[in-house]
Amino acid sequence: MYEVTYDRAKNRIYIKLEGTMSLDEADGYNEAVKKAADQAQPGFTICIDGAKAAPFSPEVDAKCAESRNYLVKKGVKDTATVVDSAILKMHVARTLKEIGGNVFGSKEEADKYLDSL
């Protein structure tokens, strides 16, 4: 399950991920991320709540690289990801290195970091 929203006041995309993403879901996810990025101004930030998410399979990760590349083209400034396991921390560091791999234990900490930029 995923949810993607854009906060115009903060110029921030919020992404919530839960469970395991399928290949079919990845297509919809990419489109939702691109739509949010199209609303954002260059220099936007991203807060990803992945505390209840499973690491992406290699196939899903490869498909989601499309949206990560799009975010870079649209001018993402930094990313903060909320995770609660060592496995997810390693996954985030590996998959999000091109858009910022900052990891936090809570959404409040992640937002505080992004607000400070």
Protein backbone atom coordinates (compact mmCIF):
# COMPACT_ATOMS: atom_id res chain seq x y z
CA MET A 1 0.00 0.00 0.00
CA TYR A 2 1.22 3.49 -0.76
CA GLU A 3 -0.07 7.03 -0.38
CA VAL A 4 1.53 10.07 -2.03
CA THR A 5 0.56 13.67 -1.17
CA TYR A 6 2.04 17.09 -1.80
CA ASP A 7 2.13 19.87 0.80
CA ARG A 8 2.38 23.15 -1.12
CA ALA A 9 3.11 25.25 2.00
CA LYS A 10 6.21 23.17 2.81
CA ASN A 11 6.98 22.31 -0.82
CA ARG A 12 7.21 18.73 0.40
CA ILE A 13 6.08 15.39 -0.98
CA TYR A 14 4.88 12.92 1.65
CA ILE A 15 5.04 9.23 0.79
CA LYS A 16 3.62 6.53 3.06
CA LEU A 17 4.51 2.92 2.34
CA GLU A 18 3.07 -0.14 4.08
CA GLY A 19 3.61 -3.84 3.48
CA THR A 20 5.09 -5.29 0.32
CA MET A 21 4.75 -3.49 -3.01
CA SER A 22 3.92 -5.62 -6.05
CA LEU A 23 5.14 -4.98 -9.58
CA ASP A 24 1.62 -3.89 -10.56
CA GLU A 25 1.47 -1.43 -7.66
CA ALA A 26 4.86 -0.02 -8.65
CA ASP A 27 3.39 1.39 -11.88
CA GLY A 28 0.71 3.30 -9.98
CA TYR A 29 3.26 4.39 -7.39
CA ASN A 30 5.55 5.81 -10.08
CA GLU A 31 2.66 7.77 -11.59
CA ALA A 32 1.59 9.13 -8.18
CA VAL A 33 5.14 10.24 -7.38
CA LYS A 34 5.54 11.91 -10.78
CA LYS A 35 2.21 13.73 -10.36
CA ALA A 36 3.30 15.06 -6.96
CA ALA A 37 6.70 16.10 -8.36
CA ASP A 38 4.96 17.99 -11.16
CA GLN A 39 3.12 20.05 -8.52
CA ALA A 40 6.30 20.82 -6.56
CA GLN A 41 8.67 23.71 -7.04
CA PRO A 42 12.39 22.97 -7.61
CA GLY A 43 14.15 22.51 -4.28
CA PHE A 44 11.30 20.43 -2.84
CA THR A 45 11.86 17.88 -0.10
CA ILE A 46 10.46 14.39 0.43
CA CYS A 47 9.38 12.71 3.66
CA ILE A 48 8.93 8.95 3.30
CA ASP A 49 7.20 7.02 6.06
CA GLY A 50 8.40 3.47 5.54
CA ALA A 51 8.12 2.30 9.14
CA LYS A 52 5.56 -0.36 8.17
CA ALA A 53 7.02 -1.21 4.77
CA ALA A 54 8.93 -4.25 3.60
CA PRO A 55 12.07 -3.76 1.49
CA PHE A 56 11.33 -3.68 -2.24
CA SER A 57 12.12 -6.78 -4.26
CA PRO A 58 14.90 -6.21 -6.83
CA GLU A 59 12.27 -6.13 -9.60
CA VAL A 60 10.10 -3.54 -7.82
CA ASP A 61 13.17 -1.50 -6.90
CA ALA A 62 14.28 -1.45 -10.55
CA LYS A 63 10.83 -0.28 -11.61
CA CYS A 64 10.72 2.41 -8.89
CA ALA A 65 14.08 3.75 -10.06
CA GLU A 66 12.00 5.49 -12.75
CA SER A 67 10.31 7.72 -10.17
CA ARG A 68 13.58 8.35 -8.28
CA ASN A 69 15.23 9.52 -11.50
CA TYR A 70 12.22 11.74 -12.21
CA LEU A 71 12.51 13.33 -8.75
CA VAL A 72 16.16 14.18 -9.41
CA LYS A 73 15.25 15.77 -12.77
CA LYS A 74 12.49 17.82 -11.10
CA GLY A 75 14.91 19.27 -8.51
CA VAL A 76 14.56 17.34 -5.23
CA LYS A 77 16.69 18.96 -2.52
CA ASP A 78 16.73 16.25 0.15
CA THR A 79 14.86 13.26 1.52
CA ALA A 80 14.11 12.00 5.02
CA THR A 81 12.89 8.44 5.50
CA VAL A 82 11.28 7.00 8.61
CA VAL A 83 12.19 3.36 9.25
CA ASP A 84 12.25 1.16 12.31
CA SER A 85 14.52 -1.74 11.38
CA ALA A 86 18.17 -2.23 10.51
CA ILE A 87 17.21 -4.07 7.31
CA LEU A 88 15.14 -1.12 6.10
CA LYS A 89 17.93 1.32 7.01
CA MET A 90 20.33 -0.60 4.77
CA HIS A 91 17.71 -0.77 2.01
CA VAL A 92 17.11 3.00 2.19
CA ALA A 93 20.82 3.80 2.14
CA ARG A 94 21.24 1.66 -0.98
CA THR A 95 18.15 2.65 -2.95
CA LEU A 96 17.82 6.34 -2.11
CA LYS A 97 21.46 7.43 -2.32
CA GLU A 98 20.78 9.63 -5.38
CA ILE A 99 18.00 11.60 -3.67
CA GLY A 100 19.22 11.61 -0.06
CA GLY A 101 19.40 8.70 2.32
CA ASN A 102 18.70 10.40 5.65
CA VAL A 103 17.03 7.97 8.06
CA PHE A 104 15.00 8.85 11.14
CA GLY A 105 13.06 6.98 13.81
CA SER A 106 9.89 9.12 13.62
CA LYS A 107 7.97 11.33 11.19
CA GLU A 108 8.40 14.25 13.61
CA GLU A 109 12.19 13.91 13.50
CA ALA A 110 12.15 13.62 9.71
CA ASP A 111 9.92 16.71 9.32
CA LYS A 112 12.06 18.69 11.78
CA TYR A 113 15.18 17.86 9.75
CA LEU A 114 13.54 18.83 6.45
CA ASP A 115 12.12 22.02 7.96
CA SER A 116 15.65 23.03 9.00
CA LEU A 117 16.98 23.02 5.42
